[in-house]
Amino acid sequence: MGQVNLLPPDILQGQRYRRLTLTVLLAGAIILALIVVFFLVQVGRLGSVNSDIAAKKQSNAQLQSQIDSLQKYDDLQVQAQQARSELDAAYAGEVSFSGMLMDLSRVIPSDAYLSTFSATITGPAPATGGATTTTPLIGTMTTGGEAIGFDSLSIWLTRLELVQGWVNPWMPTIAADTAVPNAYTFTTSVDLTQDVETPRGRGQVTAGG
């Protein structure tokens, strides 16, 4: 035997509305709770991402600080290279005049002496574009003195050409010294090549080396 609901229809309809309302509210509460949970999860992830970004920024800042601290050494190296280049340029073509005087003292005959000495360094002549087979001349050296006999003068000229970097020796003037028997005053001129330059002047060693 089936059940018979004796409640009025309006009361039954009200009950259905209440059940539907409760169902909707419950579903809404569940959805809201899920939204809150999702929001909290995203906030946590965002916080983690921000922490990672902050850590990366700190790491980058440390690396940049290290790079900046090392940059001064690069700057010092550049300055040192510039200073070395300036010194090399300043010493380019350097000639040791004290060395030239030492060479003169070695080659002058025992019965001769020098009373004057001068050297002029002009540097090599500008290149003309053609191939050259001789060492460029960079200056001249002139001396004056007195010797006993023509043999001494001949030996003097011969020895001058034996010195590396000294070429084309000759005597512009020869005159007898009337006050000394068989004595002759003379002047000599010698062309100088790049071989007279010091190793530093030729760039074979660095300045200060």
Protein backbone atom coordinates (compact mmCIF):
# COMPACT_ATOMS: atom_id res chain seq x y z
CA MET A 1 0.00 0.00 0.00
CA GLY A 2 1.58 3.30 -1.10
CA GLN A 3 2.18 6.29 1.18
CA VAL A 4 0.05 9.32 0.82
CA ASN A 5 1.50 12.74 1.62
CA LEU A 6 -1.21 14.70 3.28
CA LEU A 7 0.80 17.98 3.48
CA PRO A 8 -0.56 20.84 1.51
CA PRO A 9 1.13 21.45 -1.85
CA ASP A 10 2.51 24.85 -0.84
CA ILE A 11 4.32 23.30 2.14
CA LEU A 12 5.77 20.58 -0.07
CA GLN A 13 6.96 23.18 -2.54
CA GLY A 14 8.57 25.18 0.28
CA GLN A 15 10.45 22.11 1.48
CA ARG A 16 11.75 21.48 -2.03
CA TYR A 17 12.95 25.09 -2.28
CA ARG A 18 14.73 24.82 1.08
CA ARG A 19 16.46 21.59 0.07
CA LEU A 20 17.48 23.15 -3.24
CA THR A 21 18.70 26.27 -1.47
CA LEU A 22 20.75 24.22 0.99
CA THR A 23 22.22 22.22 -1.87
CA VAL A 24 23.16 25.39 -3.75
CA LEU A 25 24.64 26.97 -0.62
CA LEU A 26 26.62 23.82 0.14
CA ALA A 27 27.94 23.66 -3.40
CA GLY A 28 28.82 27.36 -3.27
CA ALA A 29 30.63 26.88 0.03
CA ILE A 30 32.60 23.99 -1.42
CA ILE A 31 33.51 26.01 -4.51
CA LEU A 32 34.49 28.99 -2.34
CA ALA A 33 36.64 26.73 -0.19
CA LEU A 34 38.32 25.36 -3.29
CA ILE A 35 38.94 28.90 -4.53
CA VAL A 36 40.46 29.87 -1.17
CA VAL A 37 42.68 26.78 -1.18
CA PHE A 38 43.74 27.49 -4.78
CA PHE A 39 44.47 31.11 -3.87
CA LEU A 40 46.58 30.09 -0.87
CA VAL A 41 48.51 27.61 -3.02
CA GLN A 42 49.19 30.29 -5.63
CA VAL A 43 50.25 32.75 -2.93
CA GLY A 44 52.68 30.16 -1.60
CA ARG A 45 54.07 29.53 -5.06
CA LEU A 46 54.39 33.25 -5.69
CA GLY A 47 56.24 33.65 -2.42
CA SER A 48 58.62 30.87 -3.43
CA VAL A 49 59.18 32.48 -6.83
CA ASN A 50 59.85 35.84 -5.19
CA SER A 51 62.33 34.18 -2.85
CA ASP A 52 64.08 32.60 -5.82
CA ILE A 53 64.17 35.95 -7.60
CA ALA A 54 65.60 37.64 -4.52
CA ALA A 55 68.24 34.93 -4.20
CA LYS A 56 69.16 35.30 -7.87
CA LYS A 57 69.42 39.06 -7.49
CA GLN A 58 71.68 38.65 -4.48
CA SER A 59 73.84 36.15 -6.36
CA ASN A 60 74.04 38.48 -9.36
CA ALA A 61 74.95 41.37 -7.08
CA GLN A 62 77.77 39.31 -5.56
CA LEU A 63 79.04 38.32 -9.01
CA GLN A 64 78.90 41.93 -10.19
CA SER A 65 80.81 42.99 -7.08
CA GLN A 66 83.50 40.42 -7.87
CA ILE A 67 83.63 41.58 -11.49
CA ASP A 68 83.97 45.19 -10.36
CA SER A 69 86.77 44.25 -7.97
CA LEU A 70 88.62 42.45 -10.79
CA GLN A 71 88.07 45.30 -13.25
CA LYS A 72 90.70 47.43 -11.52
CA TYR A 73 93.33 44.82 -12.39
CA ASP A 74 92.31 45.00 -16.03
CA ASP A 75 92.58 48.78 -15.84
CA LEU A 76 96.03 48.51 -14.25
CA GLN A 77 97.13 46.10 -16.97
CA VAL A 78 95.93 48.49 -19.67
CA GLN A 79 97.76 51.37 -17.98
CA ALA A 80 100.92 49.28 -17.69
CA GLN A 81 100.75 48.35 -21.38
CA GLN A 82 100.25 52.00 -22.32
CA ALA A 83 103.20 53.05 -20.16
CA ARG A 84 105.34 50.29 -21.69
CA SER A 85 104.38 51.41 -25.19
CA GLU A 86 105.28 55.00 -24.33
CA LEU A 87 108.65 53.91 -22.94
CA ASP A 88 109.33 51.75 -25.98
CA ALA A 89 108.52 54.72 -28.21
CA ALA A 90 110.77 56.98 -26.13
CA TYR A 91 113.70 54.55 -26.35
CA ALA A 92 113.21 53.77 -30.05
CA GLY A 93 116.43 54.51 -31.90
CA GLU A 94 118.46 54.85 -28.69
CA VAL A 95 122.24 55.07 -29.21
CA SER A 96 124.79 54.68 -26.43
CA PHE A 97 127.29 57.52 -26.81
CA SER A 98 129.35 56.15 -23.94
CA GLY A 99 129.57 52.89 -25.89
CA MET A 100 130.76 54.80 -28.96
CA LEU A 101 133.51 56.44 -26.90
CA MET A 102 134.55 53.03 -25.58
CA ASP A 103 134.77 51.71 -29.15
CA LEU A 104 136.88 54.72 -30.16
CA SER A 105 139.29 54.06 -27.32
CA ARG A 106 139.70 50.47 -28.49
CA VAL A 107 140.44 51.21 -32.15
CA ILE A 108 142.56 54.35 -32.01
CA PRO A 109 146.27 53.64 -32.63
CA SER A 110 148.66 54.04 -29.74
CA ASP A 111 150.51 56.87 -31.52
CA ALA A 112 147.35 58.91 -32.14
CA TYR A 113 144.89 60.80 -30.01
CA LEU A 114 141.52 62.50 -30.44
CA SER A 115 140.79 66.09 -29.55
CA THR A 116 137.20 66.40 -30.80
CA PHE A 117 134.20 64.11 -31.05
CA SER A 118 130.63 64.66 -32.15
CA ALA A 119 127.79 62.43 -33.29
CA THR A 120 124.51 63.34 -34.92
CA ILE A 121 121.58 60.91 -34.97
CA THR A 122 118.99 61.81 -37.60
CA GLY A 123 117.11 58.52 -37.80
CA PRO A 124 116.60 56.41 -40.91
CA ALA A 125 115.53 58.12 -44.11
CA PRO A 126 111.86 57.69 -45.12
CA ALA A 127 111.22 54.52 -47.10
CA THR A 128 110.91 55.04 -50.85
CA GLY A 129 108.89 51.89 -51.46
CA GLY A 130 111.64 49.94 -53.22
CA ALA A 131 113.49 46.99 -51.76
CA THR A 132 116.72 47.87 -49.93
CA THR A 133 119.70 45.56 -49.47
CA THR A 134 121.78 47.79 -47.18
CA THR A 135 121.29 48.76 -43.57
CA PRO A 136 119.76 52.27 -43.37
CA LEU A 137 122.00 55.09 -42.20
CA ILE A 138 120.79 56.89 -39.10
CA GLY A 139 123.53 59.49 -38.52
CA THR A 140 127.17 60.48 -38.67
CA MET A 141 130.12 60.65 -36.32
CA THR A 142 133.01 63.07 -36.72
CA THR A 143 136.30 63.13 -34.86
CA GLY A 144 139.43 65.19 -34.93
CA GLY A 145 142.90 64.52 -33.61
CA GLU A 146 146.56 64.00 -34.38
CA ALA A 147 148.64 60.96 -35.37
CA ILE A 148 152.26 60.16 -36.06
CA GLY A 149 152.84 59.09 -39.65
CA PHE A 150 150.57 58.05 -42.50
CA ASP A 151 150.66 54.43 -41.35
CA SER A 152 148.87 55.43 -38.18
CA LEU A 153 146.24 57.31 -40.19
CA SER A 154 145.73 54.27 -42.42
CA ILE A 155 145.36 51.95 -39.44
CA TRP A 156 142.92 54.39 -37.90
CA LEU A 157 140.67 54.36 -40.97
CA THR A 158 140.85 50.58 -41.27
CA ARG A 159 139.93 50.00 -37.65
CA LEU A 160 137.01 52.42 -37.76
CA GLU A 161 135.22 50.23 -40.28
CA LEU A 162 135.68 47.15 -38.10
CA VAL A 163 133.25 48.50 -35.50
CA GLN A 164 129.72 47.21 -36.02
CA GLY A 165 127.46 49.96 -37.29
CA TRP A 166 130.31 52.22 -38.47
CA VAL A 167 130.62 52.46 -42.25
CA ASN A 168 132.20 54.64 -44.94
CA PRO A 169 135.04 56.12 -42.85
CA TRP A 170 137.05 58.84 -44.57
CA MET A 171 139.26 61.83 -43.76
CA PRO A 172 137.97 65.18 -45.00
CA THR A 173 141.14 66.95 -43.88
CA ILE A 174 144.77 66.02 -43.23
CA ALA A 175 147.40 68.61 -42.37
CA ALA A 176 151.00 68.40 -41.21
CA ASP A 177 151.76 69.65 -37.73
CA THR A 178 154.80 71.83 -38.24
CA ALA A 179 155.55 71.77 -34.54
CA VAL A 180 155.87 67.96 -34.37
CA PRO A 181 157.97 65.97 -36.87
CA ASN A 182 155.96 63.47 -38.99
CA ALA A 183 152.76 64.39 -37.15
CA TYR A 184 149.49 65.12 -38.89
CA THR A 185 146.26 66.61 -37.68
CA PHE A 186 143.16 65.07 -39.16
CA THR A 187 139.40 64.91 -39.11
CA THR A 188 137.40 61.78 -39.81
CA SER A 189 133.77 61.20 -40.70
CA VAL A 190 131.91 57.92 -40.27
CA ASP A 191 128.37 57.03 -41.28
CA LEU A 192 126.30 55.26 -38.64
CA THR A 193 123.81 52.47 -39.35
CA GLN A 194 121.01 51.07 -37.20
CA ASP A 195 123.49 48.52 -35.86
CA VAL A 196 124.80 51.18 -33.46
CA GLU A 197 121.44 51.33 -31.73
CA THR A 198 121.14 49.62 -28.38
CA PRO A 199 119.06 46.42 -28.15
CA ARG A 200 116.41 48.48 -26.40
CA GLY A 201 116.55 51.07 -29.17
CA ARG A 202 116.00 48.32 -31.75
CA GLY A 203 113.04 46.95 -29.76
CA GLN A 204 114.80 43.68 -28.95
CA VAL A 205 114.19 44.14 -25.24
CA THR A 206 111.33 45.89 -23.46
CA ALA A 207 111.91 49.18 -21.72
CA GLY A 208 113.27 48.58 -18.28
CA GLY A 209 114.16 44.95 -19.21
